[in-house]
């Protein structure tokens, strides 16, 4: 277990009364470099963490970068787990997003942190979903869209009314293949 785990859970008065999902953003520092470079062990760790936590693995895809580093996703029936490693910095960034029981996300998170054995881990947990105080989600969307139009807000990356993405660039790594 890491020497220090720092949990950061944002709270706001407009938070949903019932979460649709739990999204844990995990920052792992001073991790053993061997795991951060080993595609097979890293994939096995994430899959085992998911299954041992009670999640249902659908598929996994991992990519080895040149000269180093890995990115991968484990799709679970409950949502997903992603990882990006920078062995040269001893660092890994991990997302755990689950729908339904938030305890599954927490168990996955705990097993991943234990498996990576970082010196420090920072976890930010976000409750995901629209406000469920009203039983009319369409009305909530209309009111929100109207407020944005009245305020002439333009949010980069937002979807337009047709659902077309607003054009987020694809991230890349220097020296990746």
C-alpha atoms as a PDB file:
ATOM      1  CA  UNK A   1       0.000   0.000   0.000  1.00  0.00           C
ATOM      2  CA  UNK A   2       1.313   3.485  -0.787  1.00  0.00           C
ATOM      3  CA  UNK A   3       2.759   5.674   1.919  1.00  0.00           C
ATOM      4  CA  UNK A   4       0.089   8.321   1.377  1.00  0.00           C
ATOM      5  CA  UNK A   5      -3.284   8.298  -0.353  1.00  0.00           C
ATOM      6  CA  UNK A   6      -4.891  11.665  -0.739  1.00  0.00           C
ATOM      7  CA  UNK A   7      -8.629  11.587  -1.454  1.00  0.00           C
ATOM      8  CA  UNK A   8     -10.275  14.586  -3.050  1.00  0.00           C
ATOM      9  CA  UNK A   9     -14.038  14.354  -3.432  1.00  0.00           C
ATOM     10  CA  UNK A  10     -15.655  17.492  -4.857  1.00  0.00           C
ATOM     11  CA  UNK A  11     -18.977  18.370  -3.283  1.00  0.00           C
ATOM     12  CA  UNK A  12     -21.490  20.830  -4.609  1.00  0.00           C
ATOM     13  CA  UNK A  13     -25.034  21.782  -3.704  1.00  0.00           C
ATOM     14  CA  UNK A  14     -26.124  20.872  -7.249  1.00  0.00           C
ATOM     15  CA  UNK A  15     -24.796  17.305  -6.989  1.00  0.00           C
ATOM     16  CA  UNK A  16     -27.250  14.604  -8.058  1.00  0.00           C
ATOM     17  CA  UNK A  17     -29.433  13.104  -5.362  1.00  0.00           C
ATOM     18  CA  UNK A  18     -28.606   9.659  -6.795  1.00  0.00           C
ATOM     19  CA  UNK A  19     -25.486   8.957  -8.825  1.00  0.00           C
ATOM     20  CA  UNK A  20     -25.625   7.304 -12.214  1.00  0.00           C
ATOM     21  CA  UNK A  21     -21.917   6.596 -12.003  1.00  0.00           C
ATOM     22  CA  UNK A  22     -18.773   6.924  -9.965  1.00  0.00           C
ATOM     23  CA  UNK A  23     -15.619   8.203 -11.660  1.00  0.00           C
ATOM     24  CA  UNK A  24     -12.316   7.864  -9.804  1.00  0.00           C
ATOM     25  CA  UNK A  25      -9.326   9.772 -11.205  1.00  0.00           C
ATOM     26  CA  UNK A  26      -6.194   8.166  -9.807  1.00  0.00           C
ATOM     27  CA  UNK A  27      -2.692   9.695  -9.885  1.00  0.00           C
ATOM     28  CA  UNK A  28       0.080   7.251  -8.946  1.00  0.00           C
ATOM     29  CA  UNK A  29       3.585   8.608  -8.311  1.00  0.00           C
ATOM     30  CA  UNK A  30       6.925   6.861  -7.821  1.00  0.00           C
ATOM     31  CA  UNK A  31       5.666   3.524  -9.128  1.00  0.00           C
ATOM     32  CA  UNK A  32       8.079   0.675  -9.859  1.00  0.00           C
ATOM     33  CA  UNK A  33       9.170   1.208 -13.476  1.00  0.00           C
ATOM     34  CA  UNK A  34       9.000  -2.463 -14.454  1.00  0.00           C
ATOM     35  CA  UNK A  35       5.195  -2.608 -14.166  1.00  0.00           C
ATOM     36  CA  UNK A  36       4.788   0.654 -16.064  1.00  0.00           C
ATOM     37  CA  UNK A  37       6.596  -0.921 -19.048  1.00  0.00           C
ATOM     38  CA  UNK A  38       5.116  -4.447 -18.942  1.00  0.00           C
ATOM     39  CA  UNK A  39       1.998  -4.605 -21.106  1.00  0.00           C
ATOM     40  CA  UNK A  40       0.983  -8.141 -20.103  1.00  0.00           C
ATOM     41  CA  UNK A  41       1.369  -7.592 -16.345  1.00  0.00           C
ATOM     42  CA  UNK A  42      -0.381  -4.236 -16.478  1.00  0.00           C
ATOM     43  CA  UNK A  43      -3.316  -5.644 -18.450  1.00  0.00           C
ATOM     44  CA  UNK A  44      -3.577  -8.625 -16.074  1.00  0.00           C
ATOM     45  CA  UNK A  45      -3.529  -6.295 -13.044  1.00  0.00           C
ATOM     46  CA  UNK A  46      -6.412  -4.187 -14.364  1.00  0.00           C
ATOM     47  CA  UNK A  47      -8.482  -7.190 -15.455  1.00  0.00           C
ATOM     48  CA  UNK A  48      -7.900  -8.980 -12.139  1.00  0.00           C
ATOM     49  CA  UNK A  49      -8.755  -5.799 -10.215  1.00  0.00           C
ATOM     50  CA  UNK A  50     -12.039  -5.546 -12.103  1.00  0.00           C
ATOM     51  CA  UNK A  51     -13.088  -9.179 -11.752  1.00  0.00           C
ATOM     52  CA  UNK A  52     -12.066  -9.426  -8.079  1.00  0.00           C
ATOM     53  CA  UNK A  53     -14.111  -6.283  -7.384  1.00  0.00           C
ATOM     54  CA  UNK A  54     -17.225  -7.848  -8.923  1.00  0.00           C
ATOM     55  CA  UNK A  55     -17.139  -6.105 -12.309  1.00  0.00           C
ATOM     56  CA  UNK A  56     -17.679  -7.953 -15.588  1.00  0.00           C
ATOM     57  CA  UNK A  57     -14.875  -7.598 -18.154  1.00  0.00           C
ATOM     58  CA  UNK A  58     -16.062  -7.226 -21.750  1.00  0.00           C
ATOM     59  CA  UNK A  59     -12.816  -6.494 -23.621  1.00  0.00           C
ATOM     60  CA  UNK A  60      -9.374  -4.950 -23.214  1.00  0.00           C
ATOM     61  CA  UNK A  61      -7.074  -3.085 -25.582  1.00  0.00           C
ATOM     62  CA  UNK A  62      -3.522  -1.967 -24.744  1.00  0.00           C
ATOM     63  CA  UNK A  63      -0.883  -0.150 -26.764  1.00  0.00           C
ATOM     64  CA  UNK A  64       2.885  -0.029 -26.106  1.00  0.00           C
ATOM     65  CA  UNK A  65       4.483   3.294 -27.045  1.00  0.00           C
ATOM     66  CA  UNK A  66       7.995   3.642 -28.436  1.00  0.00           C
ATOM     67  CA  UNK A  67      10.314   4.310 -26.702  1.00  0.00           C
ATOM     68  CA  UNK A  68       8.255   3.658 -23.552  1.00  0.00           C
ATOM     69  CA  UNK A  69       4.867   3.985 -21.906  1.00  0.00           C
ATOM     70  CA  UNK A  70       1.544   2.208 -22.217  1.00  0.00           C
ATOM     71  CA  UNK A  71      -2.074   3.183 -22.681  1.00  0.00           C
ATOM     72  CA  UNK A  72      -4.915   0.778 -22.223  1.00  0.00           C
ATOM     73  CA  UNK A  73      -8.597   0.359 -21.623  1.00  0.00           C
ATOM     74  CA  UNK A  74     -10.514  -2.428 -19.971  1.00  0.00           C
ATOM     75  CA  UNK A  75     -14.149  -2.189 -20.962  1.00  0.00           C
ATOM     76  CA  UNK A  76     -16.375  -3.534 -18.217  1.00  0.00           C
ATOM     77  CA  UNK A  77     -20.134  -4.026 -18.347  1.00  0.00           C
ATOM     78  CA  UNK A  78     -20.326  -1.337 -15.674  1.00  0.00           C
ATOM     79  CA  UNK A  79     -18.256   1.135 -17.828  1.00  0.00           C
ATOM     80  CA  UNK A  80     -14.425   1.243 -18.097  1.00  0.00           C
ATOM     81  CA  UNK A  81     -10.934   1.396 -16.614  1.00  0.00           C
ATOM     82  CA  UNK A  82      -8.188   3.300 -18.450  1.00  0.00           C
ATOM     83  CA  UNK A  83      -4.460   3.627 -17.802  1.00  0.00           C
ATOM     84  CA  UNK A  84      -1.662   5.770 -19.195  1.00  0.00           C
ATOM     85  CA  UNK A  85       1.905   5.241 -17.962  1.00  0.00           C
ATOM     86  CA  UNK A  86       5.072   7.297 -18.081  1.00  0.00           C
ATOM     87  CA  UNK A  87       7.832   4.952 -16.847  1.00  0.00           C
ATOM     88  CA  UNK A  88      10.455   7.659 -17.257  1.00  0.00           C
ATOM     89  CA  UNK A  89       8.600   9.613 -14.538  1.00  0.00           C
ATOM     90  CA  UNK A  90       7.432   6.646 -12.438  1.00  0.00           C
ATOM     91  CA  UNK A  91       3.889   7.881 -13.025  1.00  0.00           C
ATOM     92  CA  UNK A  92       0.527   6.361 -13.989  1.00  0.00           C
ATOM     93  CA  UNK A  93      -2.823   8.079 -14.584  1.00  0.00           C
ATOM     94  CA  UNK A  94      -5.842   5.813 -14.173  1.00  0.00           C
ATOM     95  CA  UNK A  95      -9.589   6.341 -14.549  1.00  0.00           C
ATOM     96  CA  UNK A  96     -12.125   3.977 -13.045  1.00  0.00           C
ATOM     97  CA  UNK A  97     -15.695   4.720 -14.135  1.00  0.00           C
ATOM     98  CA  UNK A  98     -18.550   2.480 -13.031  1.00  0.00           C
ATOM     99  CA  UNK A  99     -22.303   2.792 -13.258  1.00  0.00           C
ATOM    100  CA  UNK A 100     -24.461   1.460 -10.473  1.00  0.00           C
ATOM    101  CA  UNK A 101     -22.906   0.318  -7.203  1.00  0.00           C
ATOM    102  CA  UNK A 102     -20.151   2.804  -6.195  1.00  0.00           C
ATOM    103  CA  UNK A 103     -18.548   0.115  -4.020  1.00  0.00           C
ATOM    104  CA  UNK A 104     -17.347  -1.655  -7.194  1.00  0.00           C
ATOM    105  CA  UNK A 105     -15.383   1.442  -8.258  1.00  0.00           C
ATOM    106  CA  UNK A 106     -13.846   1.709  -4.792  1.00  0.00           C
ATOM    107  CA  UNK A 107     -12.805  -1.969  -4.751  1.00  0.00           C
ATOM    108  CA  UNK A 108     -11.253  -1.668  -8.238  1.00  0.00           C
ATOM    109  CA  UNK A 109      -9.425   1.497  -7.169  1.00  0.00           C
ATOM    110  CA  UNK A 110      -8.058  -0.138  -3.996  1.00  0.00           C
ATOM    111  CA  UNK A 111      -6.797  -3.234  -5.845  1.00  0.00           C
ATOM    112  CA  UNK A 112      -5.127  -1.130  -8.547  1.00  0.00           C
ATOM    113  CA  UNK A 113      -3.341   1.064  -6.002  1.00  0.00           C
ATOM    114  CA  UNK A 114      -2.176  -2.009  -4.116  1.00  0.00           C
ATOM    115  CA  UNK A 115      -0.900  -3.620  -7.339  1.00  0.00           C
ATOM    116  CA  UNK A 116       0.997  -0.539  -8.544  1.00  0.00           C
ATOM    117  CA  UNK A 117       2.612   0.003  -5.119  1.00  0.00           C
ATOM    118  CA  UNK A 118       3.228   3.746  -5.609  1.00  0.00           C
ATOM    119  CA  UNK A 119       4.933   5.930  -3.018  1.00  0.00           C
ATOM    120  CA  UNK A 120       1.932   8.269  -3.232  1.00  0.00           C
ATOM    121  CA  UNK A 121      -1.543   8.056  -4.696  1.00  0.00           C
ATOM    122  CA  UNK A 122      -4.059  10.852  -5.188  1.00  0.00           C
ATOM    123  CA  UNK A 123      -7.668   9.936  -5.847  1.00  0.00           C
ATOM    124  CA  UNK A 124     -10.371  12.335  -6.932  1.00  0.00           C
ATOM    125  CA  UNK A 125     -13.860  10.794  -6.971  1.00  0.00           C
ATOM    126  CA  UNK A 126     -16.605  12.415  -8.999  1.00  0.00           C
ATOM    127  CA  UNK A 127     -20.288  11.528  -8.829  1.00  0.00           C
ATOM    128  CA  UNK A 128     -21.534  11.397 -12.420  1.00  0.00           C
ATOM    129  CA  UNK A 129     -25.008  11.969 -13.779  1.00  0.00           C
ATOM    130  CA  UNK A 130     -27.674  14.625 -14.293  1.00  0.00           C
ATOM    131  CA  UNK A 131     -29.568  16.065 -11.391  1.00  0.00           C
ATOM    132  CA  UNK A 132     -32.235  13.525 -10.568  1.00  0.00           C
ATOM    133  CA  UNK A 133     -34.317  15.811  -8.359  1.00  0.00           C
ATOM    134  CA  UNK A 134     -36.822  16.230 -11.190  1.00  0.00           C
ATOM    135  CA  UNK A 135     -38.495  13.340 -12.987  1.00  0.00           C
ATOM    136  CA  UNK A 136     -38.354  15.297 -16.256  1.00  0.00           C
ATOM    137  CA  UNK A 137     -34.748  15.118 -17.608  1.00  0.00           C
ATOM    138  CA  UNK A 138     -35.812  16.647 -20.951  1.00  0.00           C
ATOM    139  CA  UNK A 139     -37.105  19.726 -19.135  1.00  0.00           C
ATOM    140  CA  UNK A 140     -33.794  20.026 -17.298  1.00  0.00           C
ATOM    141  CA  UNK A 141     -31.929  19.921 -20.614  1.00  0.00           C
ATOM    142  CA  UNK A 142     -34.207  22.561 -22.145  1.00  0.00           C
ATOM    143  CA  UNK A 143     -33.761  24.902 -19.197  1.00  0.00           C
ATOM    144  CA  UNK A 144     -29.987  24.431 -19.228  1.00  0.00           C
ATOM    145  CA  UNK A 145     -29.799  24.964 -22.992  1.00  0.00           C
ATOM    146  CA  UNK A 146     -31.932  28.099 -22.726  1.00  0.00           C
ATOM    147  CA  UNK A 147     -29.735  29.550 -19.943  1.00  0.00           C
ATOM    148  CA  UNK A 148     -26.616  28.875 -22.028  1.00  0.00           C
ATOM    149  CA  UNK A 149     -28.144  30.543 -25.083  1.00  0.00           C
ATOM    150  CA  UNK A 150     -29.251  33.563 -23.042  1.00  0.00           C
ATOM    151  CA  UNK A 151     -25.772  33.930 -21.575  1.00  0.00           C
ATOM    152  CA  UNK A 152     -24.177  33.397 -25.022  1.00  0.00           C
ATOM    153  CA  UNK A 153     -21.865  30.773 -23.587  1.00  0.00           C
ATOM    154  CA  UNK A 154     -19.644  28.843 -25.943  1.00  0.00           C
ATOM    155  CA  UNK A 155     -18.013  25.803 -24.407  1.00  0.00           C
ATOM    156  CA  UNK A 156     -15.210  24.225 -26.501  1.00  0.00           C
ATOM    157  CA  UNK A 157     -15.787  20.535 -27.072  1.00  0.00           C
ATOM    158  CA  UNK A 158     -19.511  20.659 -26.296  1.00  0.00           C
ATOM    159  CA  UNK A 159     -21.889  18.756 -28.555  1.00  0.00           C
ATOM    160  CA  UNK A 160     -24.307  20.777 -30.654  1.00  0.00           C
ATOM    161  CA  UNK A 161     -28.038  20.022 -30.745  1.00  0.00           C
ATOM    162  CA  UNK A 162     -27.513  17.268 -33.345  1.00  0.00           C
ATOM    163  CA  UNK A 163     -25.026  15.514 -31.046  1.00  0.00           C
ATOM    164  CA  UNK A 164     -22.022  16.203 -33.264  1.00  0.00           C
ATOM    165  CA  UNK A 165     -18.844  16.633 -31.187  1.00  0.00           C
ATOM    166  CA  UNK A 166     -17.449  20.150 -31.084  1.00  0.00           C
ATOM    167  CA  UNK A 167     -13.996  19.140 -32.223  1.00  0.00           C
ATOM    168  CA  UNK A 168     -11.694  17.960 -29.467  1.00  0.00           C
ATOM    169  CA  UNK A 169      -8.223  17.268 -30.858  1.00  0.00           C
ATOM    170  CA  UNK A 170      -6.854  13.752 -30.495  1.00  0.00           C
ATOM    171  CA  UNK A 171      -4.062  13.685 -27.896  1.00  0.00           C
ATOM    172  CA  UNK A 172      -0.700  12.348 -28.995  1.00  0.00           C
ATOM    173  CA  UNK A 173       2.622  11.608 -27.404  1.00  0.00           C
ATOM    174  CA  UNK A 174       5.897  12.875 -28.700  1.00  0.00           C
ATOM    175  CA  UNK A 175       7.858   9.996 -30.183  1.00  0.00           C
ATOM    176  CA  UNK A 176       4.864   7.617 -30.212  1.00  0.00           C
ATOM    177  CA  UNK A 177       4.226   5.144 -32.991  1.00  0.00           C
END
